[in-house]
Each structure stands twice: as C-alpha cells, then as structure tokens.
N, C-alpha and C. Protein backbone atom coordinates (compact mmCIF):
# COMPACT_ATOMS: atom_id res chain seq x y z
N MET A 1 85.23 79.57 105.90
CA MET A 1 86.20 79.84 106.95
C MET A 1 85.48 80.07 108.28
N ASP A 2 86.19 79.79 109.35
CA ASP A 2 85.63 79.94 110.68
C ASP A 2 85.41 81.41 111.01
N ARG A 3 84.16 81.75 111.35
CA ARG A 3 83.82 83.16 111.57
C ARG A 3 84.57 83.76 112.76
N ASP A 4 84.73 82.98 113.82
CA ASP A 4 85.45 83.49 114.99
C ASP A 4 86.90 83.81 114.64
N ARG A 5 87.49 82.97 113.83
CA ARG A 5 88.89 83.20 113.43
C ARG A 5 88.99 84.43 112.53
N LEU A 6 88.02 84.60 111.66
CA LEU A 6 87.99 85.79 110.80
C LEU A 6 87.90 87.06 111.64
N ASP A 7 86.98 87.04 112.59
CA ASP A 7 86.82 88.21 113.45
C ASP A 7 88.08 88.47 114.27
N GLN A 8 88.73 87.39 114.72
CA GLN A 8 89.94 87.54 115.52
C GLN A 8 91.05 88.24 114.75
N ILE A 9 91.31 87.81 113.53
CA ILE A 9 92.43 88.37 112.80
C ILE A 9 92.16 89.81 112.36
N VAL A 10 90.92 90.12 112.05
CA VAL A 10 90.58 91.51 111.72
C VAL A 10 90.74 92.39 112.95
N ASP A 11 90.41 91.86 114.12
CA ASP A 11 90.59 92.62 115.35
C ASP A 11 92.07 92.85 115.64
N ILE A 12 92.91 91.86 115.36
CA ILE A 12 94.35 92.04 115.55
C ILE A 12 94.87 93.16 114.64
N ALA A 13 94.40 93.17 113.41
CA ALA A 13 94.79 94.25 112.49
C ALA A 13 94.39 95.61 113.07
N ARG A 14 93.20 95.69 113.65
CA ARG A 14 92.76 96.94 114.28
C ARG A 14 93.68 97.32 115.44
N GLN A 15 94.08 96.34 116.23
CA GLN A 15 94.97 96.61 117.36
C GLN A 15 96.31 97.16 116.90
N VAL A 16 96.84 96.60 115.82
CA VAL A 16 98.11 97.10 115.28
C VAL A 16 97.96 98.56 114.86
N VAL A 17 96.88 98.86 114.16
CA VAL A 17 96.64 100.23 113.69
C VAL A 17 96.46 101.17 114.86
N ARG A 18 95.65 100.76 115.85
CA ARG A 18 95.42 101.61 117.02
C ARG A 18 96.71 101.87 117.78
N GLY A 19 97.60 100.89 117.83
CA GLY A 19 98.86 101.04 118.55
C GLY A 19 99.82 102.02 117.91
N GLY A 20 99.65 102.29 116.61
CA GLY A 20 100.46 103.29 115.92
C GLY A 20 101.77 102.80 115.37
N ALA A 21 102.13 101.53 115.60
CA ALA A 21 103.39 101.01 115.08
C ALA A 21 103.19 100.52 113.65
N ILE A 22 102.90 101.48 112.76
CA ILE A 22 102.55 101.13 111.39
C ILE A 22 102.76 102.36 110.51
N SER A 23 103.02 102.16 109.25
CA SER A 23 103.22 103.27 108.32
C SER A 23 101.89 103.95 108.02
N PRO A 24 101.92 105.18 107.51
CA PRO A 24 100.67 105.91 107.23
C PRO A 24 99.70 105.16 106.33
N ASN A 25 100.23 104.41 105.35
CA ASN A 25 99.32 103.70 104.45
C ASN A 25 98.82 102.37 105.02
N GLY A 26 99.33 102.01 106.20
CA GLY A 26 98.85 100.80 106.86
C GLY A 26 99.33 99.51 106.24
N HIS A 27 100.35 99.58 105.36
CA HIS A 27 100.79 98.36 104.68
C HIS A 27 101.38 97.37 105.67
N GLY A 28 101.06 96.11 105.50
CA GLY A 28 101.57 95.04 106.36
C GLY A 28 100.64 93.86 106.32
N ASN A 29 100.95 92.85 107.10
CA ASN A 29 100.08 91.69 107.17
C ASN A 29 100.20 91.01 108.52
N VAL A 30 99.14 90.31 108.88
CA VAL A 30 99.04 89.61 110.16
C VAL A 30 98.61 88.18 109.88
N SER A 31 99.14 87.24 110.64
CA SER A 31 98.65 85.87 110.55
C SER A 31 98.49 85.30 111.95
N VAL A 32 97.58 84.34 112.08
CA VAL A 32 97.37 83.64 113.35
C VAL A 32 97.17 82.16 113.08
N ARG A 33 97.60 81.37 114.04
CA ARG A 33 97.31 79.93 113.99
C ARG A 33 97.12 79.45 115.42
N LEU A 34 96.39 78.36 115.56
CA LEU A 34 96.21 77.74 116.86
C LEU A 34 97.24 76.63 117.03
N PRO A 35 97.64 76.30 118.27
CA PRO A 35 98.65 75.26 118.49
C PRO A 35 98.29 73.95 117.81
N GLY A 36 99.25 73.39 117.13
CA GLY A 36 99.05 72.10 116.48
C GLY A 36 98.42 72.17 115.11
N GLU A 37 97.95 73.33 114.70
CA GLU A 37 97.33 73.45 113.38
C GLU A 37 98.37 73.49 112.28
N ASP A 38 97.96 73.06 111.10
CA ASP A 38 98.86 73.09 109.95
C ASP A 38 98.47 74.20 108.97
N GLU A 39 97.77 75.21 109.48
CA GLU A 39 97.34 76.32 108.62
C GLU A 39 97.26 77.60 109.44
N MET A 40 97.18 78.71 108.70
CA MET A 40 97.06 80.01 109.36
C MET A 40 96.00 80.82 108.63
N TYR A 41 95.44 81.80 109.32
CA TYR A 41 94.58 82.80 108.72
C TYR A 41 95.45 84.04 108.50
N TYR A 42 95.33 84.65 107.34
CA TYR A 42 96.31 85.65 106.89
C TYR A 42 95.60 86.83 106.24
N THR A 43 95.98 88.05 106.63
CA THR A 43 95.36 89.24 106.02
C THR A 43 95.96 89.47 104.64
N ALA A 44 95.14 89.33 103.62
CA ALA A 44 95.61 89.44 102.24
C ALA A 44 95.21 90.75 101.59
N GLY A 45 94.70 91.70 102.38
CA GLY A 45 94.33 93.00 101.84
C GLY A 45 95.53 93.91 101.67
N PRO A 46 95.38 95.03 100.96
CA PRO A 46 96.50 95.94 100.70
C PRO A 46 96.92 96.77 101.91
N SER A 47 96.08 96.82 102.94
CA SER A 47 96.37 97.63 104.12
C SER A 47 95.71 97.00 105.34
N LEU A 48 96.33 97.19 106.50
CA LEU A 48 95.72 96.71 107.74
C LEU A 48 94.65 97.67 108.24
N ARG A 49 94.59 98.86 107.70
CA ARG A 49 93.56 99.83 108.09
C ARG A 49 92.20 99.39 107.54
N ASP A 50 91.24 99.23 108.42
CA ASP A 50 89.89 98.82 108.02
C ASP A 50 89.91 97.56 107.17
N HIS A 51 90.73 96.60 107.58
CA HIS A 51 90.86 95.37 106.79
C HIS A 51 89.56 94.58 106.80
N PRO A 52 88.99 94.29 105.63
CA PRO A 52 87.72 93.55 105.57
C PRO A 52 87.91 92.06 105.77
N THR A 53 86.93 91.41 106.37
CA THR A 53 87.02 89.97 106.59
C THR A 53 87.06 89.20 105.28
N GLU A 54 86.45 89.75 104.25
CA GLU A 54 86.42 89.00 102.98
C GLU A 54 87.79 88.92 102.29
N LEU A 55 88.75 89.70 102.78
CA LEU A 55 90.10 89.64 102.21
C LEU A 55 91.07 88.86 103.10
N VAL A 56 90.53 88.08 104.03
CA VAL A 56 91.36 87.17 104.83
C VAL A 56 91.45 85.84 104.09
N ALA A 57 92.65 85.29 104.04
CA ALA A 57 92.87 84.01 103.35
C ALA A 57 93.23 82.93 104.36
N ARG A 58 92.86 81.72 104.03
CA ARG A 58 93.27 80.56 104.83
C ARG A 58 94.39 79.86 104.06
N VAL A 59 95.55 79.76 104.69
CA VAL A 59 96.75 79.30 104.00
C VAL A 59 97.41 78.17 104.78
N GLY A 60 97.77 77.09 104.11
CA GLY A 60 98.48 76.00 104.76
C GLY A 60 99.90 76.42 105.11
N LEU A 61 100.49 75.76 106.10
CA LEU A 61 101.86 76.09 106.47
C LEU A 61 102.87 75.66 105.42
N ASP A 62 102.38 74.98 104.38
CA ASP A 62 103.22 74.70 103.21
C ASP A 62 103.14 75.83 102.19
N GLY A 63 102.37 76.88 102.52
CA GLY A 63 102.23 78.03 101.63
C GLY A 63 101.10 77.92 100.64
N ALA A 64 100.39 76.79 100.62
CA ALA A 64 99.30 76.59 99.66
C ALA A 64 98.04 77.31 100.11
N LEU A 65 97.39 78.01 99.19
CA LEU A 65 96.13 78.69 99.48
C LEU A 65 95.02 77.65 99.61
N ARG A 66 94.30 77.71 100.71
CA ARG A 66 93.21 76.76 100.95
C ARG A 66 91.84 77.37 100.77
N GLU A 67 91.76 78.68 101.04
CA GLU A 67 90.47 79.35 100.90
C GLU A 67 90.72 80.85 100.82
N GLY A 68 89.92 81.54 99.99
CA GLY A 68 90.08 82.98 99.81
C GLY A 68 90.95 83.29 98.61
N THR A 69 91.43 84.52 98.56
CA THR A 69 92.31 84.94 97.47
C THR A 69 93.61 85.48 98.05
N LEU A 70 94.67 85.41 97.25
CA LEU A 70 95.99 85.83 97.71
C LEU A 70 96.68 86.59 96.59
N PRO A 71 96.53 87.94 96.57
CA PRO A 71 97.18 88.74 95.53
C PRO A 71 98.71 88.54 95.56
N PRO A 72 99.39 88.64 94.42
CA PRO A 72 100.83 88.39 94.36
C PRO A 72 101.65 89.19 95.36
N ILE A 73 101.33 90.49 95.54
CA ILE A 73 102.15 91.32 96.43
C ILE A 73 102.04 90.86 97.88
N GLN A 74 100.88 90.31 98.27
CA GLN A 74 100.72 89.77 99.61
C GLN A 74 101.23 88.33 99.69
N GLY A 75 101.04 87.60 98.63
CA GLY A 75 101.50 86.22 98.60
C GLY A 75 103.01 86.09 98.67
N ALA A 76 103.70 87.13 98.23
CA ALA A 76 105.17 87.08 98.18
C ALA A 76 105.79 86.95 99.56
N VAL A 77 105.09 87.41 100.61
CA VAL A 77 105.68 87.36 101.95
C VAL A 77 105.05 86.30 102.84
N VAL A 78 104.22 85.45 102.28
CA VAL A 78 103.61 84.37 103.06
C VAL A 78 104.69 83.49 103.69
N ALA A 79 105.76 83.22 102.93
CA ALA A 79 106.77 82.27 103.40
C ALA A 79 107.46 82.70 104.68
N MET A 80 107.58 84.03 104.91
CA MET A 80 108.25 84.42 106.15
C MET A 80 107.32 84.19 107.35
N HIS A 81 106.02 84.20 107.14
CA HIS A 81 105.08 83.84 108.20
C HIS A 81 105.15 82.33 108.47
N THR A 82 105.03 81.53 107.43
CA THR A 82 105.02 80.08 107.63
C THR A 82 106.34 79.59 108.21
N ALA A 83 107.45 80.26 107.87
CA ALA A 83 108.75 79.86 108.41
C ALA A 83 108.81 80.04 109.92
N MET A 84 108.22 81.12 110.43
CA MET A 84 108.23 81.34 111.87
C MET A 84 107.41 80.28 112.59
N TYR A 85 106.28 79.88 112.00
CA TYR A 85 105.49 78.82 112.61
C TYR A 85 106.21 77.47 112.55
N ALA A 86 106.88 77.22 111.45
CA ALA A 86 107.60 75.96 111.30
C ALA A 86 108.77 75.85 112.27
N ASP A 87 109.44 76.97 112.51
CA ASP A 87 110.65 76.95 113.34
C ASP A 87 110.37 77.13 114.83
N HIS A 88 109.20 77.68 115.16
CA HIS A 88 108.91 78.01 116.56
C HIS A 88 107.51 77.48 116.91
N ASP A 89 107.45 76.32 117.53
CA ASP A 89 106.17 75.69 117.82
C ASP A 89 105.26 76.55 118.68
N GLU A 90 105.88 77.41 119.51
CA GLU A 90 105.07 78.20 120.44
C GLU A 90 104.43 79.42 119.80
N VAL A 91 104.88 79.79 118.60
CA VAL A 91 104.39 81.02 117.97
C VAL A 91 102.94 80.85 117.50
N GLY A 92 102.09 81.82 117.89
CA GLY A 92 100.69 81.78 117.49
C GLY A 92 100.26 82.96 116.65
N CYS A 93 101.17 83.95 116.50
CA CYS A 93 100.84 85.14 115.72
C CYS A 93 102.10 85.74 115.14
N VAL A 94 102.02 86.15 113.88
CA VAL A 94 103.12 86.84 113.20
C VAL A 94 102.58 88.14 112.63
N ILE A 95 103.33 89.23 112.84
CA ILE A 95 102.93 90.55 112.35
C ILE A 95 104.08 91.15 111.56
N HIS A 96 103.76 91.63 110.37
CA HIS A 96 104.75 92.34 109.55
C HIS A 96 104.23 93.74 109.26
N THR A 97 105.05 94.75 109.58
CA THR A 97 104.68 96.13 109.26
C THR A 97 105.90 96.88 108.73
N HIS A 98 105.63 98.12 108.33
CA HIS A 98 106.70 99.05 107.97
C HIS A 98 106.64 100.22 108.95
N SER A 99 106.57 99.91 110.25
CA SER A 99 106.49 100.96 111.27
C SER A 99 107.67 101.92 111.08
N PRO A 100 107.41 103.22 111.04
CA PRO A 100 108.38 104.20 110.51
C PRO A 100 109.76 104.21 111.15
N TYR A 101 109.83 104.27 112.47
CA TYR A 101 111.14 104.41 113.10
C TYR A 101 111.92 103.10 113.06
N ALA A 102 111.25 101.98 113.33
CA ALA A 102 111.93 100.70 113.25
C ALA A 102 112.39 100.41 111.81
N THR A 103 111.56 100.79 110.84
CA THR A 103 111.94 100.59 109.44
C THR A 103 113.14 101.46 109.06
N ALA A 104 113.26 102.64 109.71
CA ALA A 104 114.44 103.47 109.47
C ALA A 104 115.72 102.71 109.84
N PHE A 105 115.67 101.98 110.96
CA PHE A 105 116.82 101.17 111.34
C PHE A 105 117.03 100.02 110.35
N ALA A 106 115.94 99.44 109.86
CA ALA A 106 116.06 98.37 108.86
C ALA A 106 116.69 98.88 107.58
N VAL A 107 116.30 100.09 107.18
CA VAL A 107 116.86 100.69 105.96
C VAL A 107 118.35 101.02 106.15
N ALA A 108 118.70 101.42 107.38
CA ALA A 108 120.10 101.70 107.70
C ALA A 108 120.89 100.41 107.95
N GLN A 109 120.20 99.27 107.98
CA GLN A 109 120.79 97.97 108.29
C GLN A 109 121.53 98.02 109.62
N ARG A 110 120.89 98.65 110.60
CA ARG A 110 121.46 98.79 111.94
C ARG A 110 120.51 98.20 112.96
N ARG A 111 121.01 97.31 113.79
CA ARG A 111 120.17 96.69 114.80
C ARG A 111 119.69 97.72 115.82
N ILE A 112 118.57 97.44 116.43
CA ILE A 112 118.07 98.24 117.54
C ILE A 112 118.65 97.64 118.81
N GLU A 113 119.41 98.43 119.56
CA GLU A 113 120.01 97.94 120.79
C GLU A 113 118.99 98.05 121.94
N CYS A 114 119.35 97.50 123.09
CA CYS A 114 118.45 97.52 124.25
C CYS A 114 118.55 98.88 124.93
N TRP A 115 117.90 99.88 124.30
CA TRP A 115 117.95 101.26 124.78
C TRP A 115 116.87 101.58 125.81
N ILE A 116 115.80 100.82 125.83
CA ILE A 116 114.74 101.06 126.81
C ILE A 116 114.48 99.75 127.54
N GLU A 117 114.12 99.85 128.82
CA GLU A 117 114.00 98.63 129.62
C GLU A 117 112.85 97.74 129.14
N ALA A 118 111.88 98.30 128.45
CA ALA A 118 110.78 97.48 127.95
C ALA A 118 111.28 96.39 127.00
N LEU A 119 112.36 96.67 126.26
CA LEU A 119 112.91 95.63 125.39
C LEU A 119 113.38 94.44 126.22
N ALA A 120 114.08 94.71 127.32
CA ALA A 120 114.54 93.62 128.19
C ALA A 120 113.35 92.88 128.80
N MET A 121 112.31 93.64 129.15
CA MET A 121 111.14 93.04 129.80
C MET A 121 110.34 92.14 128.85
N PHE A 122 110.42 92.42 127.54
CA PHE A 122 109.62 91.66 126.58
C PHE A 122 110.46 90.73 125.70
N GLY A 123 111.57 90.25 126.24
CA GLY A 123 112.33 89.21 125.56
C GLY A 123 113.33 89.67 124.53
N LEU A 124 113.73 90.96 124.61
CA LEU A 124 114.70 91.50 123.66
C LEU A 124 115.88 92.14 124.40
N PRO A 125 116.53 91.42 125.34
CA PRO A 125 117.64 92.00 126.09
C PRO A 125 118.85 92.32 125.22
N ASP A 126 118.97 91.65 124.11
CA ASP A 126 120.07 91.92 123.18
C ASP A 126 119.64 92.77 122.00
N GLY A 127 118.45 93.36 122.09
CA GLY A 127 117.95 94.21 121.03
C GLY A 127 117.30 93.43 119.90
N VAL A 128 117.15 94.09 118.77
CA VAL A 128 116.46 93.50 117.61
C VAL A 128 117.47 93.31 116.48
N PRO A 129 117.73 92.06 116.07
CA PRO A 129 118.71 91.81 115.02
C PRO A 129 118.19 92.18 113.63
N VAL A 130 119.11 92.28 112.68
CA VAL A 130 118.76 92.60 111.30
C VAL A 130 118.95 91.37 110.43
N ALA A 131 117.91 91.00 109.70
CA ALA A 131 118.03 89.93 108.70
C ALA A 131 118.52 90.55 107.40
N GLY A 132 119.58 90.02 106.84
CA GLY A 132 120.19 90.57 105.64
C GLY A 132 119.21 90.65 104.47
N TYR A 133 119.44 91.60 103.60
CA TYR A 133 118.52 91.82 102.48
C TYR A 133 118.64 90.72 101.43
N ALA A 134 117.51 90.37 100.87
CA ALA A 134 117.39 89.55 99.66
C ALA A 134 116.03 89.91 99.08
N PRO A 135 115.81 89.68 97.78
CA PRO A 135 114.54 90.07 97.16
C PRO A 135 113.32 89.53 97.91
N ARG A 136 112.31 90.35 97.98
CA ARG A 136 111.08 90.07 98.72
C ARG A 136 110.53 88.68 98.43
N GLY A 137 110.38 87.89 99.48
CA GLY A 137 109.77 86.57 99.36
C GLY A 137 110.67 85.49 98.81
N SER A 138 111.92 85.82 98.50
CA SER A 138 112.82 84.81 97.93
C SER A 138 113.26 83.81 99.00
N GLU A 139 113.77 82.66 98.55
CA GLU A 139 114.27 81.66 99.49
C GLU A 139 115.39 82.23 100.35
N GLN A 140 116.23 83.07 99.75
CA GLN A 140 117.33 83.66 100.50
C GLN A 140 116.82 84.63 101.56
N ALA A 141 115.79 85.40 101.22
CA ALA A 141 115.21 86.33 102.19
C ALA A 141 114.68 85.56 103.41
N VAL A 142 113.98 84.47 103.16
CA VAL A 142 113.43 83.67 104.26
C VAL A 142 114.55 83.03 105.07
N ALA A 143 115.60 82.56 104.38
CA ALA A 143 116.75 81.97 105.09
C ALA A 143 117.42 83.00 105.98
N ASN A 144 117.53 84.23 105.49
CA ASN A 144 118.14 85.30 106.30
C ASN A 144 117.32 85.61 107.54
N ILE A 145 115.98 85.61 107.38
CA ILE A 145 115.10 85.86 108.52
C ILE A 145 115.24 84.73 109.54
N ARG A 146 115.25 83.51 109.05
CA ARG A 146 115.39 82.36 109.96
C ARG A 146 116.69 82.44 110.75
N GLU A 147 117.75 82.84 110.08
CA GLU A 147 119.05 82.95 110.74
C GLU A 147 119.01 84.02 111.82
N ALA A 148 118.44 85.18 111.51
CA ALA A 148 118.36 86.27 112.49
C ALA A 148 117.48 85.87 113.68
N ALA A 149 116.42 85.11 113.41
CA ALA A 149 115.49 84.72 114.47
C ALA A 149 116.08 83.70 115.44
N ARG A 150 117.20 83.10 115.08
CA ARG A 150 117.85 82.14 115.98
C ARG A 150 118.41 82.81 117.22
N SER A 151 118.45 84.13 117.22
CA SER A 151 118.92 84.86 118.40
C SER A 151 118.00 84.65 119.59
N GLY A 152 116.76 84.22 119.33
CA GLY A 152 115.78 84.04 120.39
C GLY A 152 114.88 85.24 120.59
N ALA A 153 115.18 86.35 119.92
CA ALA A 153 114.35 87.55 120.02
C ALA A 153 113.05 87.33 119.26
N PRO A 154 111.92 87.85 119.76
CA PRO A 154 110.65 87.70 119.06
C PRO A 154 110.40 88.77 118.00
N ALA A 155 111.47 89.38 117.51
CA ALA A 155 111.35 90.42 116.48
C ALA A 155 112.62 90.45 115.65
N VAL A 156 112.46 90.76 114.37
CA VAL A 156 113.59 90.85 113.44
C VAL A 156 113.35 92.05 112.53
N LEU A 157 114.40 92.83 112.31
CA LEU A 157 114.34 93.88 111.29
C LEU A 157 114.66 93.25 109.95
N LEU A 158 113.90 93.61 108.93
CA LEU A 158 114.11 93.10 107.57
C LEU A 158 114.86 94.18 106.79
N ALA A 159 116.12 93.94 106.51
CA ALA A 159 116.96 94.96 105.88
C ALA A 159 116.29 95.56 104.65
N ASN A 160 116.24 96.90 104.61
CA ASN A 160 115.68 97.65 103.48
C ASN A 160 114.21 97.30 103.21
N HIS A 161 113.50 96.88 104.25
CA HIS A 161 112.11 96.46 104.06
C HIS A 161 111.21 96.88 105.21
N GLY A 162 111.35 96.26 106.38
CA GLY A 162 110.43 96.55 107.46
C GLY A 162 110.74 95.74 108.70
N VAL A 163 109.69 95.28 109.38
CA VAL A 163 109.82 94.63 110.68
C VAL A 163 108.96 93.37 110.70
N LEU A 164 109.46 92.33 111.37
CA LEU A 164 108.68 91.10 111.56
C LEU A 164 108.66 90.78 113.05
N ILE A 165 107.44 90.60 113.58
CA ILE A 165 107.24 90.27 114.99
C ILE A 165 106.55 88.92 115.07
N PHE A 166 106.95 88.07 116.01
CA PHE A 166 106.32 86.76 116.16
C PHE A 166 106.32 86.39 117.64
N HIS A 167 105.15 85.95 118.13
CA HIS A 167 105.05 85.66 119.56
C HIS A 167 103.97 84.62 119.82
N ARG A 168 103.86 84.25 121.09
CA ARG A 168 102.91 83.19 121.46
C ARG A 168 101.47 83.59 121.19
N THR A 169 101.13 84.83 121.52
CA THR A 169 99.75 85.29 121.39
C THR A 169 99.71 86.58 120.58
N PRO A 170 98.55 86.89 119.99
CA PRO A 170 98.42 88.16 119.28
C PRO A 170 98.68 89.36 120.19
N GLU A 171 98.21 89.28 121.43
CA GLU A 171 98.39 90.40 122.36
C GLU A 171 99.86 90.70 122.58
N LEU A 172 100.66 89.66 122.79
CA LEU A 172 102.10 89.85 122.99
C LEU A 172 102.78 90.35 121.71
N ALA A 173 102.36 89.83 120.57
CA ALA A 173 102.95 90.27 119.31
C ALA A 173 102.69 91.76 119.07
N VAL A 174 101.46 92.20 119.31
CA VAL A 174 101.13 93.62 119.15
C VAL A 174 101.95 94.46 120.13
N MET A 175 102.06 94.00 121.37
CA MET A 175 102.81 94.73 122.38
C MET A 175 104.28 94.86 121.99
N VAL A 176 104.87 93.77 121.55
CA VAL A 176 106.29 93.81 121.16
C VAL A 176 106.50 94.73 119.97
N GLY A 177 105.59 94.70 119.00
CA GLY A 177 105.70 95.62 117.87
C GLY A 177 105.73 97.07 118.31
N GLY A 178 104.90 97.41 119.30
CA GLY A 178 104.88 98.77 119.83
C GLY A 178 106.15 99.11 120.57
N VAL A 179 106.69 98.16 121.35
CA VAL A 179 107.92 98.39 122.11
C VAL A 179 109.10 98.60 121.17
N VAL A 180 109.18 97.81 120.11
CA VAL A 180 110.26 97.96 119.13
C VAL A 180 110.21 99.33 118.48
N GLU A 181 109.01 99.76 118.09
CA GLU A 181 108.87 101.08 117.47
C GLU A 181 109.23 102.18 118.46
N GLU A 182 108.82 102.03 119.72
CA GLU A 182 109.13 103.03 120.75
C GLU A 182 110.65 103.13 120.95
N ALA A 183 111.34 102.00 120.99
CA ALA A 183 112.79 102.02 121.18
C ALA A 183 113.49 102.71 120.01
N ALA A 184 113.01 102.42 118.80
CA ALA A 184 113.62 103.04 117.62
C ALA A 184 113.39 104.55 117.61
N GLN A 185 112.18 104.97 117.96
CA GLN A 185 111.87 106.40 117.99
C GLN A 185 112.69 107.11 119.07
N ALA A 186 112.79 106.50 120.25
CA ALA A 186 113.57 107.11 121.32
C ALA A 186 115.03 107.26 120.91
N ALA A 187 115.58 106.28 120.21
CA ALA A 187 116.97 106.34 119.78
C ALA A 187 117.20 107.45 118.77
N VAL A 188 116.28 107.58 117.81
CA VAL A 188 116.38 108.65 116.82
C VAL A 188 116.32 110.02 117.50
N ASN A 189 115.37 110.18 118.44
CA ASN A 189 115.25 111.45 119.15
C ASN A 189 116.49 111.73 120.01
N ALA A 190 117.07 110.69 120.59
CA ALA A 190 118.23 110.87 121.46
C ALA A 190 119.48 111.31 120.70
N GLN A 191 119.48 111.12 119.39
CA GLN A 191 120.64 111.55 118.60
C GLN A 191 120.90 113.05 118.77
N ALA A 192 119.86 113.83 119.02
CA ALA A 192 120.02 115.28 119.15
C ALA A 192 120.69 115.68 120.46
N ILE A 193 120.76 114.76 121.42
CA ILE A 193 121.35 115.10 122.72
C ILE A 193 122.45 114.12 123.12
N GLY A 194 123.18 113.64 122.14
CA GLY A 194 124.33 112.80 122.42
C GLY A 194 124.22 111.35 122.01
N GLY A 195 123.03 110.91 121.65
CA GLY A 195 122.86 109.53 121.18
C GLY A 195 122.35 108.61 122.26
N PRO A 196 121.68 107.52 121.88
CA PRO A 196 121.12 106.58 122.85
C PRO A 196 122.21 105.78 123.55
N VAL A 197 121.96 105.39 124.78
CA VAL A 197 122.89 104.59 125.57
C VAL A 197 122.20 103.29 125.96
N PRO A 198 122.75 102.14 125.59
CA PRO A 198 122.10 100.87 125.96
C PRO A 198 122.12 100.65 127.47
N LEU A 199 121.13 99.89 127.95
CA LEU A 199 121.14 99.47 129.34
C LEU A 199 122.39 98.63 129.61
N PRO A 200 123.01 98.77 130.78
CA PRO A 200 124.12 97.87 131.13
C PRO A 200 123.64 96.42 131.08
N GLU A 201 124.48 95.53 130.59
CA GLU A 201 124.06 94.13 130.42
C GLU A 201 123.52 93.54 131.71
N GLY A 202 124.18 93.81 132.84
CA GLY A 202 123.74 93.24 134.10
C GLY A 202 122.38 93.71 134.54
N MET A 203 121.96 94.87 134.05
CA MET A 203 120.67 95.44 134.44
C MET A 203 119.52 94.92 133.59
N ARG A 204 119.82 94.30 132.47
CA ARG A 204 118.75 93.84 131.59
C ARG A 204 117.97 92.69 132.21
N ALA A 205 118.69 91.73 132.78
CA ALA A 205 118.01 90.64 133.47
C ALA A 205 117.29 91.16 134.70
N ALA A 206 117.87 92.15 135.36
CA ALA A 206 117.23 92.72 136.55
C ALA A 206 115.91 93.39 136.20
N ALA A 207 115.85 94.05 135.04
CA ALA A 207 114.61 94.70 134.60
C ALA A 207 113.51 93.67 134.39
N LEU A 208 113.87 92.54 133.79
CA LEU A 208 112.89 91.48 133.57
C LEU A 208 112.44 90.88 134.90
N GLN A 209 113.38 90.63 135.79
CA GLN A 209 113.04 90.04 137.08
C GLN A 209 112.14 90.97 137.88
N ARG A 210 112.41 92.27 137.81
CA ARG A 210 111.59 93.24 138.53
C ARG A 210 110.16 93.25 137.98
N ALA A 211 110.04 93.19 136.64
CA ALA A 211 108.72 93.15 136.03
C ALA A 211 107.96 91.90 136.44
N MET A 212 108.66 90.76 136.50
CA MET A 212 108.03 89.51 136.92
C MET A 212 107.58 89.58 138.37
N ALA A 213 108.37 90.26 139.21
CA ALA A 213 108.00 90.41 140.61
C ALA A 213 106.73 91.25 140.75
N PHE A 214 106.63 92.32 139.97
CA PHE A 214 105.42 93.15 139.99
C PHE A 214 104.21 92.33 139.56
N GLU A 215 104.40 91.52 138.53
CA GLU A 215 103.27 90.73 138.04
C GLU A 215 102.83 89.71 139.08
N ALA A 216 103.81 89.13 139.78
CA ALA A 216 103.49 88.10 140.77
C ALA A 216 102.84 88.66 142.02
N ARG A 217 103.26 89.87 142.44
CA ARG A 217 102.80 90.42 143.72
C ARG A 217 101.88 91.61 143.59
N GLY A 218 101.69 92.10 142.38
CA GLY A 218 100.89 93.31 142.23
C GLY A 218 101.70 94.53 142.59
N ALA A 219 101.02 95.59 143.03
CA ALA A 219 101.69 96.85 143.27
C ALA A 219 102.41 96.90 144.62
N ASP A 220 102.25 95.87 145.47
CA ASP A 220 102.85 95.92 146.81
C ASP A 220 104.31 95.46 146.75
N ILE A 221 105.14 96.25 146.07
CA ILE A 221 106.56 95.94 145.92
C ILE A 221 107.35 97.01 146.65
N ARG A 222 108.22 96.59 147.56
CA ARG A 222 109.03 97.56 148.31
C ARG A 222 110.50 97.19 148.18
C-alpha cells in the first residue's frame, strides 16, 4: 500500500479524536479516496484512537478487499462508505463515528435542526436528516442512508446507530463532524432553558453569504 496514503488516513483518525466528536472508546471508521479512483483506504481497526497503519485496508469501491485485513465488525459498514463515493463524485472522505450528542439524536430518531449558524455555513441549512434503521450493513440500511443523503447535506444520522459524514476533503469532513456534534450538544443543553430555536430560514443563507464574504475579504468587513 502507498505509504503516503497510509499516513494520511491515520492522521485523519487522529484529527477526529483530537476534535472530540467521538465516543469514549473511539469506535468508528474513516475512509479516503482520490478523485477518479476506484478504491479507498479504510481504517479497519477496532478504534480510531491510536489507529495503527498496519490495520488500514485497501478496499475497492465494489466492496472487495484488495490489501490488508477486514474484520467482520468493520467490514459490515464498508458498504455505506462505498455508497457515498458511488453517489457523490466529489466526495473524498467519509467518516463514521458514535459521537455522543449527535448519536443521542440518532437514537431518538430525531433530526438535528439548524440551531447554530455553523450548520448553515457548512452546508447544513436544513439540519441533519435521519436515515431509517435497518440491521448494520444490510442492503436496506445502505438504501436508507442513500435516501437521506439526497437532501444534499454532507451528514446523516444513522437511526439507533451513529453518524455518517462525507465531504470533498478530509479537513472539511472532520470540521463538519465537529459542527454536527456541537449543534447536538447545544440543543441538549438548551432543553434546560426552554429548548433550542432554529435559525429563521431567511437568515440561513445570509449566514453562509456572510462567511463567504469574510473568506473573500479577510477581516476588513464593515
């Protein structure tokens, strides 16, 4: 396997862990692919914490193992990674975690609404949809994820399971995973003082436009 690619995916796992949008045991998986490739590099270890390079697998987008090993519990969710690459040509990284607050919404089968402006800024103006439950790795589970992902959001809650993030680059995928977890945590905390209030619809596009203006002009915004 390509050493640079191995180092890249292990570093992405470290970024996810450092960001904190992950369960205490670090369970989850990360995959990356380059544009036009028919394969991905996939973390096949039991945890993203201190994930060793020797437990990274090279997997075809048809789900076939090409190099490395793929334990059954990790292999069961390969199809939801390959489905995102098959359906979205621009996607270069997929991250699956059980980040605590977002997973609470998944367990409640309740979508995350656009409660913080960062969701609007990172392509989630309508919040994070829920993919209906089906047994882990089953054809129905993957079909449900594909259906939920048609919303255009780069994140999906997996009912009674966890969270799936998919984006153009690993950096954006890690960022979106953190934003989703932050929104879920803020909503849970807000329950004690009356409950979360979504941004007005008209303000969601404005939040994105304002962020784009800052990026284009720097801090000189008046």
